Amino acid sequence: MSIEKILEDRAKTHGDFAKHAQYTQRIKNVMKDTVNWLSLTNSDKEALEMIAHKIGRILAGNPNEADHWDDIAGYAKLVGNQIRERAAPSARPVPRVLSSGAGAVDLPAAAGTAARQP
């Protein structure tokens, strides 16, 4: 398949590239001009930018293309999963310390329990 044919096919679902770029960049500029942008993780930012990209396709192209909507849900799910992982208690047991100072000895926590550190 030629690149011209690919571009012709994509225009049917993605719309005019210049309009898509304009809409998407406007959305991204608004996102970057918010109070929380700098505190987001790289994953958060990338997901938001990809969601903006998909919204641009919806607004410039075929709004009934289910893949656009599914992709938005997918990026949101990826970030949601990462947030839940960060909030979950660590699966790694915390080592117990027998004593403090130069002679301290780390002991593994008992299976299935997390040891408390003094």
C-alpha atoms as a PDB file:
ATOM      1  CA  MET A   1       0.000   0.000   0.000  1.00  0.00           C
ATOM      2  CA  SER A   2       1.398   3.422  -0.933  1.00  0.00           C
ATOM      3  CA  ILE A   3       1.838   6.197   1.608  1.00  0.00           C
ATOM      4  CA  GLU A   4      -0.690   8.261  -0.345  1.00  0.00           C
ATOM      5  CA  LYS A   5      -3.288   5.504   0.058  1.00  0.00           C
ATOM      6  CA  ILE A   6      -2.534   5.235   3.789  1.00  0.00           C
ATOM      7  CA  LEU A   7      -2.936   9.003   4.208  1.00  0.00           C
ATOM      8  CA  GLU A   8      -6.180   8.940   2.237  1.00  0.00           C
ATOM      9  CA  ASP A   9      -7.550   6.161   4.449  1.00  0.00           C
ATOM     10  CA  ARG A  10      -6.444   7.902   7.661  1.00  0.00           C
ATOM     11  CA  ALA A  11      -8.090  11.171   6.599  1.00  0.00           C
ATOM     12  CA  LYS A  12     -11.431   9.366   6.649  1.00  0.00           C
ATOM     13  CA  THR A  13     -11.115   8.560  10.343  1.00  0.00           C
ATOM     14  CA  HIS A  14      -8.613  11.167  11.591  1.00  0.00           C
ATOM     15  CA  GLY A  15      -9.746  14.169   9.562  1.00  0.00           C
ATOM     16  CA  ASP A  16      -7.686  16.947   8.037  1.00  0.00           C
ATOM     17  CA  PHE A  17      -4.198  16.832   9.550  1.00  0.00           C
ATOM     18  CA  ALA A  18      -3.817  20.628   9.882  1.00  0.00           C
ATOM     19  CA  LYS A  19      -7.152  20.947  11.717  1.00  0.00           C
ATOM     20  CA  HIS A  20      -6.328  17.965  13.900  1.00  0.00           C
ATOM     21  CA  ALA A  21      -2.958  19.491  14.788  1.00  0.00           C
ATOM     22  CA  GLN A  22      -4.568  22.846  15.592  1.00  0.00           C
ATOM     23  CA  TYR A  23      -7.217  21.337  17.881  1.00  0.00           C
ATOM     24  CA  THR A  24      -4.777  19.011  19.608  1.00  0.00           C
ATOM     25  CA  GLN A  25      -2.181  21.711  20.260  1.00  0.00           C
ATOM     26  CA  ARG A  26      -4.828  24.022  21.712  1.00  0.00           C
ATOM     27  CA  ILE A  27      -5.918  21.313  24.126  1.00  0.00           C
ATOM     28  CA  LYS A  28      -2.308  20.558  25.100  1.00  0.00           C
ATOM     29  CA  ASN A  29      -1.568  24.246  25.672  1.00  0.00           C
ATOM     30  CA  VAL A  30      -4.517  24.518  28.049  1.00  0.00           C
ATOM     31  CA  MET A  31      -3.361  21.425  29.958  1.00  0.00           C
ATOM     32  CA  LYS A  32       0.198  22.774  30.299  1.00  0.00           C
ATOM     33  CA  ASP A  33      -1.133  26.083  31.645  1.00  0.00           C
ATOM     34  CA  THR A  34      -2.751  24.534  34.737  1.00  0.00           C
ATOM     35  CA  VAL A  35      -1.666  24.473  38.368  1.00  0.00           C
ATOM     36  CA  ASN A  36      -1.099  20.692  38.443  1.00  0.00           C
ATOM     37  CA  TRP A  37       0.829  20.145  35.195  1.00  0.00           C
ATOM     38  CA  LEU A  38       4.313  20.405  36.722  1.00  0.00           C
ATOM     39  CA  SER A  39       3.437  18.004  39.550  1.00  0.00           C
ATOM     40  CA  LEU A  40       2.263  15.225  37.222  1.00  0.00           C
ATOM     41  CA  THR A  41       4.421  12.197  36.452  1.00  0.00           C
ATOM     42  CA  ASN A  42       5.755  11.640  32.950  1.00  0.00           C
ATOM     43  CA  SER A  43       3.184   8.864  32.540  1.00  0.00           C
ATOM     44  CA  ASP A  44       0.362  11.190  33.621  1.00  0.00           C
ATOM     45  CA  LYS A  45       1.483  13.849  31.151  1.00  0.00           C
ATOM     46  CA  GLU A  46       1.938  11.413  28.286  1.00  0.00           C
ATOM     47  CA  ALA A  47      -1.472   9.867  28.860  1.00  0.00           C
ATOM     48  CA  LEU A  48      -3.109  13.300  28.931  1.00  0.00           C
ATOM     49  CA  GLU A  49      -1.288  14.308  25.757  1.00  0.00           C
ATOM     50  CA  MET A  50      -2.336  11.106  24.001  1.00  0.00           C
ATOM     51  CA  ILE A  51      -5.902  11.632  25.173  1.00  0.00           C
ATOM     52  CA  ALA A  52      -5.716  15.179  23.752  1.00  0.00           C
ATOM     53  CA  HIS A  53      -4.443  13.660  20.499  1.00  0.00           C
ATOM     54  CA  LYS A  54      -7.410  11.292  20.360  1.00  0.00           C
ATOM     55  CA  ILE A  55      -9.831  14.114  21.182  1.00  0.00           C
ATOM     56  CA  GLY A  56      -8.283  16.067  18.297  1.00  0.00           C
ATOM     57  CA  ARG A  57      -9.020  13.136  15.992  1.00  0.00           C
ATOM     58  CA  ILE A  58     -12.607  12.985  17.210  1.00  0.00           C
ATOM     59  CA  LEU A  59     -13.097  16.717  16.647  1.00  0.00           C
ATOM     60  CA  ALA A  60     -11.374  16.846  13.245  1.00  0.00           C
ATOM     61  CA  GLY A  61     -12.282  13.413  11.915  1.00  0.00           C
ATOM     62  CA  ASN A  62     -14.918  10.781  12.384  1.00  0.00           C
ATOM     63  CA  PRO A  63     -16.430  11.079  15.883  1.00  0.00           C
ATOM     64  CA  ASN A  64     -18.026   7.661  15.441  1.00  0.00           C
ATOM     65  CA  GLU A  65     -14.696   5.855  15.131  1.00  0.00           C
ATOM     66  CA  ALA A  66     -14.845   3.587  18.195  1.00  0.00           C
ATOM     67  CA  ASP A  67     -11.048   3.162  18.276  1.00  0.00           C
ATOM     68  CA  HIS A  68     -10.623   6.838  19.204  1.00  0.00           C
ATOM     69  CA  TRP A  69     -12.853   6.394  22.232  1.00  0.00           C
ATOM     70  CA  ASP A  70     -11.344   3.033  23.174  1.00  0.00           C
ATOM     71  CA  ASP A  71      -7.845   4.529  23.026  1.00  0.00           C
ATOM     72  CA  ILE A  72      -8.879   7.332  25.411  1.00  0.00           C
ATOM     73  CA  ALA A  73     -10.210   4.755  27.859  1.00  0.00           C
ATOM     74  CA  GLY A  74      -7.012   2.735  27.503  1.00  0.00           C
ATOM     75  CA  TYR A  75      -4.706   5.648  28.350  1.00  0.00           C
ATOM     76  CA  ALA A  76      -6.882   6.598  31.322  1.00  0.00           C
ATOM     77  CA  LYS A  77      -6.817   2.978  32.544  1.00  0.00           C
ATOM     78  CA  LEU A  78      -3.008   2.842  32.320  1.00  0.00           C
ATOM     79  CA  VAL A  79      -2.657   5.878  34.585  1.00  0.00           C
ATOM     80  CA  GLY A  80      -5.340   4.617  36.935  1.00  0.00           C
ATOM     81  CA  ASN A  81      -3.431   1.358  37.284  1.00  0.00           C
ATOM     82  CA  GLN A  82      -0.191   3.210  38.058  1.00  0.00           C
ATOM     83  CA  ILE A  83      -1.907   5.380  40.673  1.00  0.00           C
ATOM     84  CA  ARG A  84      -3.333   2.292  42.386  1.00  0.00           C
ATOM     85  CA  GLU A  85       0.106   0.605  42.307  1.00  0.00           C
ATOM     86  CA  ARG A  86       1.739   3.651  43.909  1.00  0.00           C
ATOM     87  CA  ALA A  87      -0.940   3.747  46.611  1.00  0.00           C
ATOM     88  CA  ALA A  88      -0.783   0.028  47.404  1.00  0.00           C
ATOM     89  CA  PRO A  89       1.342  -1.073  50.323  1.00  0.00           C
ATOM     90  CA  SER A  90       4.675  -2.443  49.265  1.00  0.00           C
ATOM     91  CA  ALA A  91       4.736  -6.182  48.614  1.00  0.00           C
ATOM     92  CA  ARG A  92       8.371  -6.298  49.738  1.00  0.00           C
ATOM     93  CA  PRO A  93       8.803  -7.181  53.407  1.00  0.00           C
ATOM     94  CA  VAL A  94      10.638  -4.610  55.500  1.00  0.00           C
ATOM     95  CA  PRO A  95      13.812  -6.117  57.012  1.00  0.00           C
ATOM     96  CA  ARG A  96      14.068  -6.295  60.790  1.00  0.00           C
ATOM     97  CA  VAL A  97      17.105  -4.783  62.479  1.00  0.00           C
ATOM     98  CA  LEU A  98      18.541  -6.818  65.369  1.00  0.00           C
ATOM     99  CA  SER A  99      20.442  -3.873  66.824  1.00  0.00           C
ATOM    100  CA  SER A 100      21.542  -0.433  65.789  1.00  0.00           C
ATOM    101  CA  GLY A 101      25.057   0.802  65.187  1.00  0.00           C
ATOM    102  CA  ALA A 102      28.070  -0.839  63.595  1.00  0.00           C
ATOM    103  CA  GLY A 103      27.063  -4.364  64.596  1.00  0.00           C
ATOM    104  CA  ALA A 104      23.480  -4.160  63.264  1.00  0.00           C
ATOM    105  CA  VAL A 105      22.214  -7.306  61.577  1.00  0.00           C
ATOM    106  CA  ASP A 106      19.340  -7.290  59.100  1.00  0.00           C
ATOM    107  CA  LEU A 107      16.997 -10.239  59.445  1.00  0.00           C
ATOM    108  CA  PRO A 108      14.389 -11.135  56.811  1.00  0.00           C
ATOM    109  CA  ALA A 109      10.795 -10.563  57.831  1.00  0.00           C
ATOM    110  CA  ALA A 110       8.691 -13.610  58.567  1.00  0.00           C
ATOM    111  CA  ALA A 111       6.826 -14.950  55.554  1.00  0.00           C
ATOM    112  CA  GLY A 112       3.644 -13.043  54.893  1.00  0.00           C
ATOM    113  CA  THR A 113       4.359 -10.318  57.454  1.00  0.00           C
ATOM    114  CA  ALA A 114       6.107  -7.011  57.250  1.00  0.00           C
ATOM    115  CA  ALA A 115       8.409  -6.306  60.151  1.00  0.00           C
ATOM    116  CA  ARG A 116       8.243  -2.953  61.876  1.00  0.00           C
ATOM    117  CA  GLN A 117      11.388  -0.943  62.153  1.00  0.00           C
ATOM    118  CA  PRO A 118      12.207   0.808  65.456  1.00  0.00           C
END
